[in-house]
């Protein structure tokens, strides 16, 4: 399952970062949230921690997709500790990366199920994805009719202070960008390649991200699209 999730999430995307790990280590714990373990040992390996029950394939794909997004965004080495005020944006990007990946996984499963005559499980993956985006869902993936620019204007102070805010409008807006131009997802590989990482304000963060895209040969469309999405252009 994890091999398939990685393949569909990163399929046809160029891995351009000069800071990607040589291998992934995956552990399943029975307490605590899923996470990327920032460790000093095995410096070439990214360590991902999941917390899922037996044969809970949808949850496994969702959690792994989110944490794989952090690895893709160069947030796996010991120095990659989350920093305010713009950590919320990386979280929104990788959450959406995982939700986008569930659609790809469902399509892939339907075409080529790993178990005989199991095409129907694609429907369960799609339902799990729809439930994540339900407008009445109370957590960060919930849908909303509010546009992302208004949402950011209203919630920017709380977001930058690390306070809990429903990220529905950001998720929905970023998802629309991913769905309309999948190639722009490559730009995530240019994130956080500068010493300040997410300690920069969002305007400076996006400007530095654009420079980083140029440095590694990424297209740079995603940070520009986000400037427009959040009304920062």
Protein backbone atom coordinates (compact mmCIF):
# COMPACT_ATOMS: atom_id res chain seq x y z
CA UNK A 1 0.00 0.00 0.00
CA UNK A 2 2.68 2.55 0.97
CA UNK A 3 4.64 1.88 -2.21
CA UNK A 4 1.51 2.45 -4.26
CA UNK A 5 0.60 5.64 -2.38
CA UNK A 6 4.08 7.04 -2.94
CA UNK A 7 3.94 6.09 -6.62
CA UNK A 8 0.61 7.77 -7.31
CA UNK A 9 1.33 10.87 -5.22
CA UNK A 10 4.66 11.52 -6.93
CA UNK A 11 3.89 9.96 -10.30
CA UNK A 12 4.99 12.02 -13.33
CA UNK A 13 6.46 14.68 -11.04
CA UNK A 14 10.14 15.58 -11.18
CA UNK A 15 11.88 15.30 -7.79
CA UNK A 16 14.11 18.33 -8.14
CA UNK A 17 15.13 19.08 -4.57
CA UNK A 18 18.77 18.70 -3.63
CA UNK A 19 17.65 17.80 -0.09
CA UNK A 20 15.49 14.73 -0.59
CA UNK A 21 16.32 11.66 1.53
CA UNK A 22 17.97 8.54 0.19
CA UNK A 23 15.28 6.34 1.76
CA UNK A 24 12.09 6.37 3.81
CA UNK A 25 11.64 4.59 7.14
CA UNK A 26 8.01 3.93 8.16
CA UNK A 27 6.82 2.97 11.65
CA UNK A 28 3.28 2.43 12.92
CA UNK A 29 2.71 3.56 16.51
CA UNK A 30 -0.43 3.00 18.57
CA UNK A 31 -0.44 6.37 20.27
CA UNK A 32 0.33 9.93 19.31
CA UNK A 33 -0.30 11.70 16.01
CA UNK A 34 1.32 10.86 12.68
CA UNK A 35 4.53 12.80 12.16
CA UNK A 36 7.91 13.04 10.53
CA UNK A 37 10.44 12.17 13.21
CA UNK A 38 13.24 14.74 13.09
CA UNK A 39 16.29 12.73 14.12
CA UNK A 40 20.08 13.02 14.03
CA UNK A 41 20.90 9.37 13.36
CA UNK A 42 20.67 7.94 9.84
CA UNK A 43 21.00 11.43 8.34
CA UNK A 44 20.08 10.28 4.81
CA UNK A 45 16.79 8.67 5.87
CA UNK A 46 13.42 10.33 6.44
CA UNK A 47 11.45 8.65 9.23
CA UNK A 48 7.64 8.74 9.07
CA UNK A 49 5.43 7.70 12.00
CA UNK A 50 1.83 6.61 11.36
CA UNK A 51 -0.94 5.68 13.78
CA UNK A 52 -3.42 3.37 12.04
CA UNK A 53 -5.27 0.17 12.82
CA UNK A 54 -4.98 -3.13 11.01
CA UNK A 55 -6.04 -3.01 7.34
CA UNK A 56 -7.24 0.60 7.64
CA UNK A 57 -6.06 1.32 4.10
CA UNK A 58 -7.80 4.66 3.60
CA UNK A 59 -6.43 6.15 6.81
CA UNK A 60 -3.00 4.71 6.04
CA UNK A 61 -2.99 6.35 2.60
CA UNK A 62 -4.20 9.67 4.03
CA UNK A 63 -1.69 9.83 6.89
CA UNK A 64 1.22 8.64 4.78
CA UNK A 65 0.35 11.07 1.99
CA UNK A 66 0.40 14.00 4.42
CA UNK A 67 3.74 13.05 5.97
CA UNK A 68 5.22 12.24 2.56
CA UNK A 69 4.24 15.78 1.61
CA UNK A 70 6.39 17.12 4.45
CA UNK A 71 9.32 15.03 3.23
CA UNK A 72 8.73 16.32 -0.31
CA UNK A 73 8.80 19.85 1.16
CA UNK A 74 12.28 19.26 2.66
CA UNK A 75 10.93 18.96 6.21
CA UNK A 76 12.55 15.74 7.38
CA UNK A 77 16.05 16.57 8.65
CA UNK A 78 16.75 17.45 12.29
CA UNK A 79 16.97 21.16 11.47
CA UNK A 80 13.46 21.15 9.97
CA UNK A 81 11.59 22.07 13.13
CA UNK A 82 8.28 23.88 12.42
CA UNK A 83 8.50 27.66 12.82
CA UNK A 84 5.99 30.47 13.01
CA UNK A 85 4.55 32.53 11.42
CA UNK A 86 4.13 30.63 8.13
CA UNK A 87 4.16 26.95 9.13
CA UNK A 88 0.41 26.92 8.50
CA UNK A 89 1.03 27.24 4.76
CA UNK A 90 3.20 24.13 4.58
CA UNK A 91 0.56 22.26 6.58
CA UNK A 92 -2.13 23.35 4.13
CA UNK A 93 0.01 22.40 1.14
CA UNK A 94 0.79 18.89 2.38
CA UNK A 95 -2.75 18.26 3.63
CA UNK A 96 -4.00 19.11 0.16
CA UNK A 97 -1.21 17.00 -1.38
CA UNK A 98 -2.59 14.01 0.55
CA UNK A 99 -6.24 14.69 -0.37
CA UNK A 100 -5.30 15.16 -4.03
CA UNK A 101 -3.40 11.90 -3.83
CA UNK A 102 -6.45 10.00 -2.58
CA UNK A 103 -8.23 10.75 -5.85
CA UNK A 104 -5.23 9.46 -7.80
CA UNK A 105 -5.08 6.37 -5.58
CA UNK A 106 -8.75 5.61 -6.13
CA UNK A 107 -8.37 5.88 -9.89
CA UNK A 108 -5.25 3.70 -9.81
CA UNK A 109 -6.92 1.11 -7.56
CA UNK A 110 -9.92 0.88 -9.86
CA UNK A 111 -7.71 0.34 -12.91
CA UNK A 112 -5.29 -2.05 -11.25
CA UNK A 113 -6.39 -3.39 -7.85
CA UNK A 114 -3.64 -5.05 -5.79
CA UNK A 115 -6.03 -7.86 -4.88
CA UNK A 116 -8.10 -9.88 -7.32
CA UNK A 117 -11.59 -8.49 -8.04
CA UNK A 118 -11.10 -5.63 -5.55
CA UNK A 119 -11.87 -2.74 -7.91
CA UNK A 120 -14.85 -1.75 -5.75
CA UNK A 121 -12.57 -0.60 -2.91
CA UNK A 122 -11.84 2.48 -5.02
CA UNK A 123 -15.29 3.66 -3.97
CA UNK A 124 -14.31 3.48 -0.29
CA UNK A 125 -11.23 5.61 -1.00
CA UNK A 126 -13.36 8.19 -2.81
CA UNK A 127 -15.88 8.28 0.05
CA UNK A 128 -13.06 8.79 2.58
CA UNK A 129 -11.82 11.72 0.50
CA UNK A 130 -15.28 13.26 0.20
CA UNK A 131 -15.74 12.96 3.97
CA UNK A 132 -12.49 14.88 4.52
CA UNK A 133 -13.91 17.76 2.47
CA UNK A 134 -17.43 17.82 3.92
CA UNK A 135 -18.58 21.40 4.64
CA UNK A 136 -19.75 20.42 8.13
CA UNK A 137 -16.49 18.72 9.06
CA UNK A 138 -15.05 20.50 12.12
CA UNK A 139 -11.35 20.00 11.49
CA UNK A 140 -8.80 21.56 9.17
CA UNK A 141 -9.82 19.88 5.90
CA UNK A 142 -13.43 21.04 6.05
CA UNK A 143 -14.98 22.68 3.03
CA UNK A 144 -16.26 26.24 3.05
CA UNK A 145 -17.84 28.71 0.68
CA UNK A 146 -15.54 31.48 1.94
CA UNK A 147 -12.79 32.38 -0.52
CA UNK A 148 -9.19 31.90 0.53
CA UNK A 149 -8.25 35.60 0.39
CA UNK A 150 -11.06 36.60 2.76
CA UNK A 151 -10.23 33.63 4.98
CA UNK A 152 -6.58 34.67 5.28
CA UNK A 153 -7.48 38.30 5.96
CA UNK A 154 -9.82 37.20 8.75
CA UNK A 155 -7.57 34.58 10.33
CA UNK A 156 -4.01 35.71 9.60
CA UNK A 157 -3.22 36.79 13.17
CA UNK A 158 -4.36 33.47 14.63
CA UNK A 159 -2.58 31.45 11.94
CA UNK A 160 0.71 33.28 12.46
CA UNK A 161 0.43 32.70 16.23
CA UNK A 162 -0.01 28.96 15.69
CA UNK A 163 -3.58 28.95 16.98
CA UNK A 164 -6.06 26.37 15.64
CA UNK A 165 -8.02 27.65 12.65
CA UNK A 166 -10.18 25.64 10.25
CA UNK A 167 -8.21 25.62 6.99
CA UNK A 168 -11.13 24.70 4.75
CA UNK A 169 -10.94 27.64 2.31
CA UNK A 170 -7.16 27.22 1.96
CA UNK A 171 -7.50 23.48 1.34
CA UNK A 172 -10.25 23.96 -1.22
CA UNK A 173 -8.36 26.72 -3.02
CA UNK A 174 -5.06 24.85 -3.14
CA UNK A 175 -6.83 21.68 -4.26
CA UNK A 176 -8.31 23.55 -7.21
CA UNK A 177 -4.80 24.67 -8.17
CA UNK A 178 -3.42 21.13 -7.92
CA UNK A 179 -6.30 19.70 -9.94
CA UNK A 180 -5.95 22.30 -12.69
CA UNK A 181 -2.15 22.06 -13.02
CA UNK A 182 -0.65 18.94 -11.46
CA UNK A 183 2.84 19.83 -12.71
CA UNK A 184 2.95 22.81 -10.36
CA UNK A 185 3.13 20.38 -7.42
CA UNK A 186 6.80 19.91 -8.34
CA UNK A 187 7.41 23.34 -6.79
CA UNK A 188 6.86 21.86 -3.32
CA UNK A 189 10.34 20.39 -3.72
CA UNK A 190 11.74 23.93 -3.59
CA UNK A 191 10.20 24.73 -0.20
CA UNK A 192 12.29 25.48 2.89
CA UNK A 193 15.70 25.47 1.18
CA UNK A 194 16.71 28.63 3.05
CA UNK A 195 17.89 29.01 6.65
CA UNK A 196 14.84 30.91 7.92
CA UNK A 197 12.40 28.30 6.59
CA UNK A 198 8.85 29.20 7.70
CA UNK A 199 9.97 31.88 10.17
CA UNK A 200 9.50 34.41 7.35
CA UNK A 201 6.18 36.28 6.93
CA UNK A 202 4.09 34.83 4.13
CA UNK A 203 4.96 37.54 1.59
CA UNK A 204 8.69 37.02 2.12
CA UNK A 205 8.20 33.25 2.30
CA UNK A 206 6.56 33.15 -1.12
CA UNK A 207 9.23 35.42 -2.61
CA UNK A 208 11.99 33.16 -1.24
CA UNK A 209 10.15 30.11 -2.53
CA UNK A 210 10.10 31.59 -6.03
CA UNK A 211 13.87 32.14 -5.88
CA UNK A 212 14.33 28.57 -4.68
CA UNK A 213 12.27 27.28 -7.62
CA UNK A 214 14.65 29.05 -9.98
CA UNK A 215 17.66 27.60 -8.16
CA UNK A 216 16.57 23.98 -8.64
CA UNK A 217 14.89 24.34 -12.03
CA UNK A 218 11.26 24.10 -10.87
CA UNK A 219 8.59 25.99 -12.80
CA UNK A 220 7.64 28.37 -9.98
CA UNK A 221 3.94 28.52 -10.88
CA UNK A 222 2.66 27.33 -7.49
CA UNK A 223 3.92 30.20 -5.29
CA UNK A 224 2.62 32.66 -7.87
CA UNK A 225 -0.78 30.96 -7.94
CA UNK A 226 -0.88 31.06 -4.14
CA UNK A 227 -0.18 34.80 -4.13
CA UNK A 228 -3.28 35.23 -6.28
CA UNK A 229 -5.32 32.73 -4.27
CA UNK A 230 -4.65 34.48 -0.96
CA UNK A 231 -4.92 38.03 -2.36
CA UNK A 232 -1.23 38.81 -1.85
CA UNK A 233 -0.27 39.60 -5.45
